[in-house]
Amino acid sequence: MSEERNPIPLILTGIASILGTVMVLWYYGYLHFAKEEDALLLSEFTMLKTIEGVDYKVSLAPADQIAQCFDGVLVLFDMQQKGLSGVLVDQRKRAVRCVGEETPQITKP
């Protein structure tokens, strides 16, 4: 009555289940594998400090990105690669805040 079960089919079933779940999540867009070309490096952007009485020149051609304020955080959207967006952060990974929209506050009941 004490017959031993072979664990190999159970292990293979578990591995197949995990791989199947990952593939379904990836297919429906719930899982995204980031690639290096998906990221916009912070070093690609420079802030020009405005000083009264000092002229500075910028290109008339617009950048390939647009910025919008969401929940008090500045979000960049890439116009060349549709669907690519990201939050603008500083070198310490702190999000750049927006002035035009207030950050939502937690209200106590």
C-alpha atoms as a PDB file:
ATOM      1  CA  MET A   1       0.000   0.000   0.000  1.00  0.00           C
ATOM      2  CA  SER A   2       2.870   2.380   0.552  1.00  0.00           C
ATOM      3  CA  GLU A   3       3.788   2.849  -3.034  1.00  0.00           C
ATOM      4  CA  GLU A   4       6.168   5.688  -3.849  1.00  0.00           C
ATOM      5  CA  ARG A   5       5.065   8.360  -6.290  1.00  0.00           C
ATOM      6  CA  ASN A   6       7.390   9.634  -8.944  1.00  0.00           C
ATOM      7  CA  PRO A   7       7.943  13.410  -8.260  1.00  0.00           C
ATOM      8  CA  ILE A   8       9.174  14.217 -11.790  1.00  0.00           C
ATOM      9  CA  PRO A   9       5.668  14.594 -13.346  1.00  0.00           C
ATOM     10  CA  LEU A  10       4.630  16.888 -10.485  1.00  0.00           C
ATOM     11  CA  ILE A  11       7.724  19.057 -10.924  1.00  0.00           C
ATOM     12  CA  LEU A  12       7.236  19.260 -14.700  1.00  0.00           C
ATOM     13  CA  THR A  13       3.551  20.160 -14.210  1.00  0.00           C
ATOM     14  CA  GLY A  14       4.530  22.961 -11.812  1.00  0.00           C
ATOM     15  CA  ILE A  15       7.133  24.363 -14.199  1.00  0.00           C
ATOM     16  CA  ALA A  16       4.698  24.177 -17.148  1.00  0.00           C
ATOM     17  CA  SER A  17       2.024  25.949 -15.076  1.00  0.00           C
ATOM     18  CA  ILE A  18       4.387  28.790 -14.169  1.00  0.00           C
ATOM     19  CA  LEU A  19       5.579  29.200 -17.771  1.00  0.00           C
ATOM     20  CA  GLY A  20       1.992  29.094 -19.044  1.00  0.00           C
ATOM     21  CA  THR A  21       0.928  31.759 -16.548  1.00  0.00           C
ATOM     22  CA  VAL A  22       3.831  34.041 -17.517  1.00  0.00           C
ATOM     23  CA  MET A  23       3.049  33.630 -21.228  1.00  0.00           C
ATOM     24  CA  VAL A  24      -0.663  34.445 -20.746  1.00  0.00           C
ATOM     25  CA  LEU A  25       0.153  37.515 -18.621  1.00  0.00           C
ATOM     26  CA  TRP A  26       2.659  38.703 -21.238  1.00  0.00           C
ATOM     27  CA  TYR A  27       0.214  38.105 -24.117  1.00  0.00           C
ATOM     28  CA  TYR A  28      -2.548  40.171 -22.489  1.00  0.00           C
ATOM     29  CA  GLY A  29      -0.165  42.998 -21.549  1.00  0.00           C
ATOM     30  CA  TYR A  30      -0.080  42.525 -17.779  1.00  0.00           C
ATOM     31  CA  LEU A  31       3.607  41.649 -17.884  1.00  0.00           C
ATOM     32  CA  HIS A  32       6.230  43.728 -19.678  1.00  0.00           C
ATOM     33  CA  PHE A  33       9.878  42.824 -20.107  1.00  0.00           C
ATOM     34  CA  ALA A  34      11.766  46.128 -20.151  1.00  0.00           C
ATOM     35  CA  LYS A  35      14.438  46.643 -22.767  1.00  0.00           C
ATOM     36  CA  GLU A  36      17.269  49.128 -22.660  1.00  0.00           C
ATOM     37  CA  GLU A  37      15.832  51.113 -25.568  1.00  0.00           C
ATOM     38  CA  ASP A  38      12.581  51.578 -23.602  1.00  0.00           C
ATOM     39  CA  ALA A  39      14.297  53.839 -21.065  1.00  0.00           C
ATOM     40  CA  LEU A  40      15.034  57.536 -21.456  1.00  0.00           C
ATOM     41  CA  LEU A  41      18.084  58.434 -19.420  1.00  0.00           C
ATOM     42  CA  LEU A  42      17.955  61.485 -17.209  1.00  0.00           C
ATOM     43  CA  SER A  43      21.303  62.556 -18.614  1.00  0.00           C
ATOM     44  CA  GLU A  44      19.570  63.232 -21.933  1.00  0.00           C
ATOM     45  CA  PHE A  45      17.821  66.239 -20.371  1.00  0.00           C
ATOM     46  CA  THR A  46      19.343  69.480 -19.143  1.00  0.00           C
ATOM     47  CA  MET A  47      17.721  72.261 -17.175  1.00  0.00           C
ATOM     48  CA  LEU A  48      18.546  75.757 -18.370  1.00  0.00           C
ATOM     49  CA  LYS A  49      18.562  78.118 -15.413  1.00  0.00           C
ATOM     50  CA  THR A  50      16.966  81.441 -16.202  1.00  0.00           C
ATOM     51  CA  ILE A  51      18.847  84.469 -14.919  1.00  0.00           C
ATOM     52  CA  GLU A  52      17.435  87.947 -15.249  1.00  0.00           C
ATOM     53  CA  GLY A  53      19.167  89.880 -17.997  1.00  0.00           C
ATOM     54  CA  VAL A  54      20.943  86.854 -19.467  1.00  0.00           C
ATOM     55  CA  ASP A  55      19.854  85.579 -22.860  1.00  0.00           C
ATOM     56  CA  TYR A  56      19.951  81.914 -23.765  1.00  0.00           C
ATOM     57  CA  LYS A  57      19.160  80.158 -27.002  1.00  0.00           C
ATOM     58  CA  VAL A  58      17.014  77.071 -27.548  1.00  0.00           C
ATOM     59  CA  SER A  59      16.091  75.254 -30.733  1.00  0.00           C
ATOM     60  CA  LEU A  60      12.811  76.139 -32.410  1.00  0.00           C
ATOM     61  CA  ALA A  61      12.236  72.464 -33.210  1.00  0.00           C
ATOM     62  CA  PRO A  62      10.259  70.755 -30.414  1.00  0.00           C
ATOM     63  CA  ALA A  63      11.613  67.756 -28.519  1.00  0.00           C
ATOM     64  CA  ASP A  64      10.362  64.240 -29.175  1.00  0.00           C
ATOM     65  CA  GLN A  65       8.799  64.172 -25.709  1.00  0.00           C
ATOM     66  CA  ILE A  66       5.896  66.010 -24.122  1.00  0.00           C
ATOM     67  CA  ALA A  67       5.307  66.446 -20.403  1.00  0.00           C
ATOM     68  CA  GLN A  68       2.055  66.370 -18.507  1.00  0.00           C
ATOM     69  CA  CYS A  69       1.161  66.642 -14.845  1.00  0.00           C
ATOM     70  CA  PHE A  70      -0.537  63.620 -13.246  1.00  0.00           C
ATOM     71  CA  ASP A  71      -1.273  63.539  -9.523  1.00  0.00           C
ATOM     72  CA  GLY A  72       1.347  66.219  -8.901  1.00  0.00           C
ATOM     73  CA  VAL A  73       4.150  64.351 -10.719  1.00  0.00           C
ATOM     74  CA  LEU A  74       5.686  65.311 -14.082  1.00  0.00           C
ATOM     75  CA  VAL A  75       5.225  62.480 -16.604  1.00  0.00           C
ATOM     76  CA  LEU A  76       7.028  62.400 -19.965  1.00  0.00           C
ATOM     77  CA  PHE A  77       5.492  60.836 -23.066  1.00  0.00           C
ATOM     78  CA  ASP A  78       7.657  59.931 -26.053  1.00  0.00           C
ATOM     79  CA  MET A  79       6.050  60.925 -29.355  1.00  0.00           C
ATOM     80  CA  GLN A  80       8.359  58.707 -31.474  1.00  0.00           C
ATOM     81  CA  GLN A  81       7.678  55.444 -29.620  1.00  0.00           C
ATOM     82  CA  LYS A  82       3.961  55.384 -28.902  1.00  0.00           C
ATOM     83  CA  GLY A  83       3.099  54.000 -25.499  1.00  0.00           C
ATOM     84  CA  LEU A  84       6.466  54.868 -23.988  1.00  0.00           C
ATOM     85  CA  SER A  85       6.094  57.059 -20.929  1.00  0.00           C
ATOM     86  CA  GLY A  86       7.958  57.657 -17.724  1.00  0.00           C
ATOM     87  CA  VAL A  87       8.264  59.824 -14.649  1.00  0.00           C
ATOM     88  CA  LEU A  88      10.991  62.463 -14.635  1.00  0.00           C
ATOM     89  CA  VAL A  89      13.262  61.878 -11.622  1.00  0.00           C
ATOM     90  CA  ASP A  90      16.488  63.396 -10.323  1.00  0.00           C
ATOM     91  CA  GLN A  91      19.753  61.543  -9.669  1.00  0.00           C
ATOM     92  CA  ARG A  92      18.372  60.298  -6.325  1.00  0.00           C
ATOM     93  CA  LYS A  93      15.254  58.825  -7.997  1.00  0.00           C
ATOM     94  CA  ARG A  94      12.954  61.505  -6.537  1.00  0.00           C
ATOM     95  CA  ALA A  95      10.030  62.431  -8.777  1.00  0.00           C
ATOM     96  CA  VAL A  96       9.896  65.957 -10.187  1.00  0.00           C
ATOM     97  CA  ARG A  97       6.715  67.616  -8.893  1.00  0.00           C
ATOM     98  CA  CYS A  98       4.308  69.866 -10.804  1.00  0.00           C
ATOM     99  CA  VAL A  99       3.159  73.292  -9.698  1.00  0.00           C
ATOM    100  CA  GLY A 100       0.020  73.376 -11.846  1.00  0.00           C
ATOM    101  CA  GLU A 101      -1.705  70.540 -10.028  1.00  0.00           C
ATOM    102  CA  GLU A 102      -1.840  69.881  -6.328  1.00  0.00           C
ATOM    103  CA  THR A 103      -0.630  66.590  -4.947  1.00  0.00           C
ATOM    104  CA  PRO A 104      -3.591  64.610  -3.543  1.00  0.00           C
ATOM    105  CA  GLN A 105      -3.624  64.547   0.238  1.00  0.00           C
ATOM    106  CA  ILE A 106      -4.951  61.752   2.447  1.00  0.00           C
ATOM    107  CA  THR A 107      -8.042  62.966   4.262  1.00  0.00           C
ATOM    108  CA  LYS A 108      -8.765  61.687   7.745  1.00  0.00           C
ATOM    109  CA  PRO A 109     -12.409  60.795   8.491  1.00  0.00           C
END
